C-alpha atoms as a PDB file:
ATOM      1  CA  MET A   1      51.623  29.384 -29.519  1.00  0.00           C
ATOM      2  CA  LYS A   2      51.096  30.937 -26.135  1.00  0.00           C
ATOM      3  CA  PRO A   3      49.047  29.135 -23.484  1.00  0.00           C
ATOM      4  CA  ALA A   4      46.397  31.891 -23.474  1.00  0.00           C
ATOM      5  CA  THR A   5      45.859  31.426 -27.211  1.00  0.00           C
ATOM      6  CA  VAL A   6      45.564  27.644 -26.915  1.00  0.00           C
ATOM      7  CA  ILE A   7      43.089  27.880 -24.024  1.00  0.00           C
ATOM      8  CA  GLY A   8      41.126  30.495 -25.978  1.00  0.00           C
ATOM      9  CA  ILE A   9      40.876  28.216 -29.009  1.00  0.00           C
ATOM     10  CA  VAL A  10      39.706  25.319 -26.807  1.00  0.00           C
ATOM     11  CA  LEU A  11      37.025  27.537 -25.229  1.00  0.00           C
ATOM     12  CA  ILE A  12      35.841  28.690 -28.659  1.00  0.00           C
ATOM     13  CA  VAL A  13      35.540  25.089 -29.842  1.00  0.00           C
ATOM     14  CA  LEU A  14      33.629  24.113 -26.675  1.00  0.00           C
ATOM     15  CA  GLY A  15      31.258  27.052 -27.164  1.00  0.00           C
ATOM     16  CA  ILE A  16      30.558  26.069 -30.761  1.00  0.00           C
ATOM     17  CA  ILE A  17      29.953  22.448 -29.754  1.00  0.00           C
ATOM     18  CA  GLY A  18      27.600  23.629 -27.008  1.00  0.00           C
ATOM     19  CA  PHE A  19      25.532  25.636 -29.481  1.00  0.00           C
ATOM     20  CA  ALA A  20      25.528  22.867 -32.089  1.00  0.00           C
ATOM     21  CA  THR A  21      24.536  19.946 -29.868  1.00  0.00           C
ATOM     22  CA  GLY A  22      22.665  21.537 -26.974  1.00  0.00           C
ATOM     23  CA  GLY A  23      24.093  18.970 -24.583  1.00  0.00           C
ATOM     24  CA  ILE A  24      26.054  15.785 -24.133  1.00  0.00           C
ATOM     25  CA  SER A  25      24.130  12.509 -24.159  1.00  0.00           C
ATOM     26  CA  PHE A  26      25.407   9.194 -22.864  1.00  0.00           C
ATOM     27  CA  THR A  27      24.010   5.693 -22.413  1.00  0.00           C
ATOM     28  CA  HIS A  28      24.085   3.570 -19.257  1.00  0.00           C
ATOM     29  CA  ARG A  29      23.607  -0.175 -19.176  1.00  0.00           C
ATOM     30  CA  LYS A  30      21.837  -1.176 -15.994  1.00  0.00           C
ATOM     31  CA  LYS A  31      21.665  -4.785 -14.835  1.00  0.00           C
ATOM     32  CA  ASP A  32      18.229  -5.724 -13.442  1.00  0.00           C
ATOM     33  CA  VAL A  33      18.497  -9.465 -12.829  1.00  0.00           C
ATOM     34  CA  ASP A  34      21.615 -11.608 -12.511  1.00  0.00           C
ATOM     35  CA  VAL A  35      20.674 -15.182 -11.610  1.00  0.00           C
ATOM     36  CA  GLY A  36      23.272 -17.680 -12.735  1.00  0.00           C
ATOM     37  CA  PRO A  37      23.340 -17.792 -16.538  1.00  0.00           C
ATOM     38  CA  VAL A  38      20.274 -15.537 -16.816  1.00  0.00           C
ATOM     39  CA  GLN A  39      21.002 -11.844 -17.029  1.00  0.00           C
ATOM     40  CA  ILE A  40      18.444  -9.146 -17.750  1.00  0.00           C
ATOM     41  CA  SER A  41      19.546  -5.580 -18.332  1.00  0.00           C
ATOM     42  CA  HIS A  42      18.298  -2.427 -19.963  1.00  0.00           C
ATOM     43  CA  LYS A  43      19.807   0.735 -21.404  1.00  0.00           C
ATOM     44  CA  THR A  44      18.998   4.243 -20.253  1.00  0.00           C
ATOM     45  CA  GLN A  45      20.026   7.373 -22.086  1.00  0.00           C
ATOM     46  CA  ASP A  46      20.760  10.514 -20.104  1.00  0.00           C
ATOM     47  CA  THR A  47      21.470  14.002 -21.385  1.00  0.00           C
ATOM     48  CA  LEU A  48      23.626  16.589 -19.669  1.00  0.00           C
ATOM     49  CA  PRO A  49      22.272  19.879 -20.990  1.00  0.00           C
ATOM     50  CA  LEU A  50      24.680  22.682 -21.839  1.00  0.00           C
ATOM     51  CA  SER A  51      22.900  25.968 -21.534  1.00  0.00           C
ATOM     52  CA  PRO A  52      23.288  28.653 -24.197  1.00  0.00           C
ATOM     53  CA  VAL A  53      24.604  30.940 -21.452  1.00  0.00           C
ATOM     54  CA  PHE A  54      27.571  28.600 -20.898  1.00  0.00           C
ATOM     55  CA  SER A  55      28.234  28.475 -24.634  1.00  0.00           C
ATOM     56  CA  THR A  56      28.078  32.262 -24.957  1.00  0.00           C
ATOM     57  CA  VAL A  57      30.397  32.834 -21.993  1.00  0.00           C
ATOM     58  CA  SER A  58      32.798  30.233 -23.371  1.00  0.00           C
ATOM     59  CA  LEU A  59      32.881  31.915 -26.789  1.00  0.00           C
ATOM     60  CA  ILE A  60      33.422  35.399 -25.357  1.00  0.00           C
ATOM     61  CA  ALA A  61      36.135  34.226 -22.956  1.00  0.00           C
ATOM     62  CA  GLY A  62      37.848  32.283 -25.757  1.00  0.00           C
ATOM     63  CA  LEU A  63      37.839  35.280 -28.083  1.00  0.00           C
ATOM     64  CA  ALA A  64      39.218  37.487 -25.297  1.00  0.00           C
ATOM     65  CA  LEU A  65      42.035  35.035 -24.563  1.00  0.00           C
ATOM     66  CA  VAL A  66      42.947  34.763 -28.238  1.00  0.00           C
ATOM     67  CA  VAL A  67      43.098  38.564 -28.525  1.00  0.00           C
ATOM     68  CA  VAL A  68      45.158  38.909 -25.335  1.00  0.00           C
ATOM     69  CA  GLY A  69      47.491  36.132 -26.471  1.00  0.00           C
ATOM     70  CA  ALA A  70      48.006  37.797 -29.851  1.00  0.00           C
ATOM     71  CA  LYS A  71      48.673  41.258 -28.387  1.00  0.00           C
ATOM     72  CA  SER A  72      51.178  40.175 -25.744  1.00  0.00           C
ATOM     73  CA  LYS A  73      54.226  39.694 -27.958  1.00  0.00           C
END
């Protein structure tokens, strides 16, 4: 496979994931108190939103790279 085709496939997959999930969420563990054997912490969940514009551009660019990679033989 040509590099353009592989990059195109990766972009298509990222675009589909962006549409399906709407963003990437992750959890942080934050330590509030640390006094000897006593530790108090809490979890916070943050979301990194992926806009539909990014997903659309990723899909279109991926399809274009796959087509260009297939035609350049």
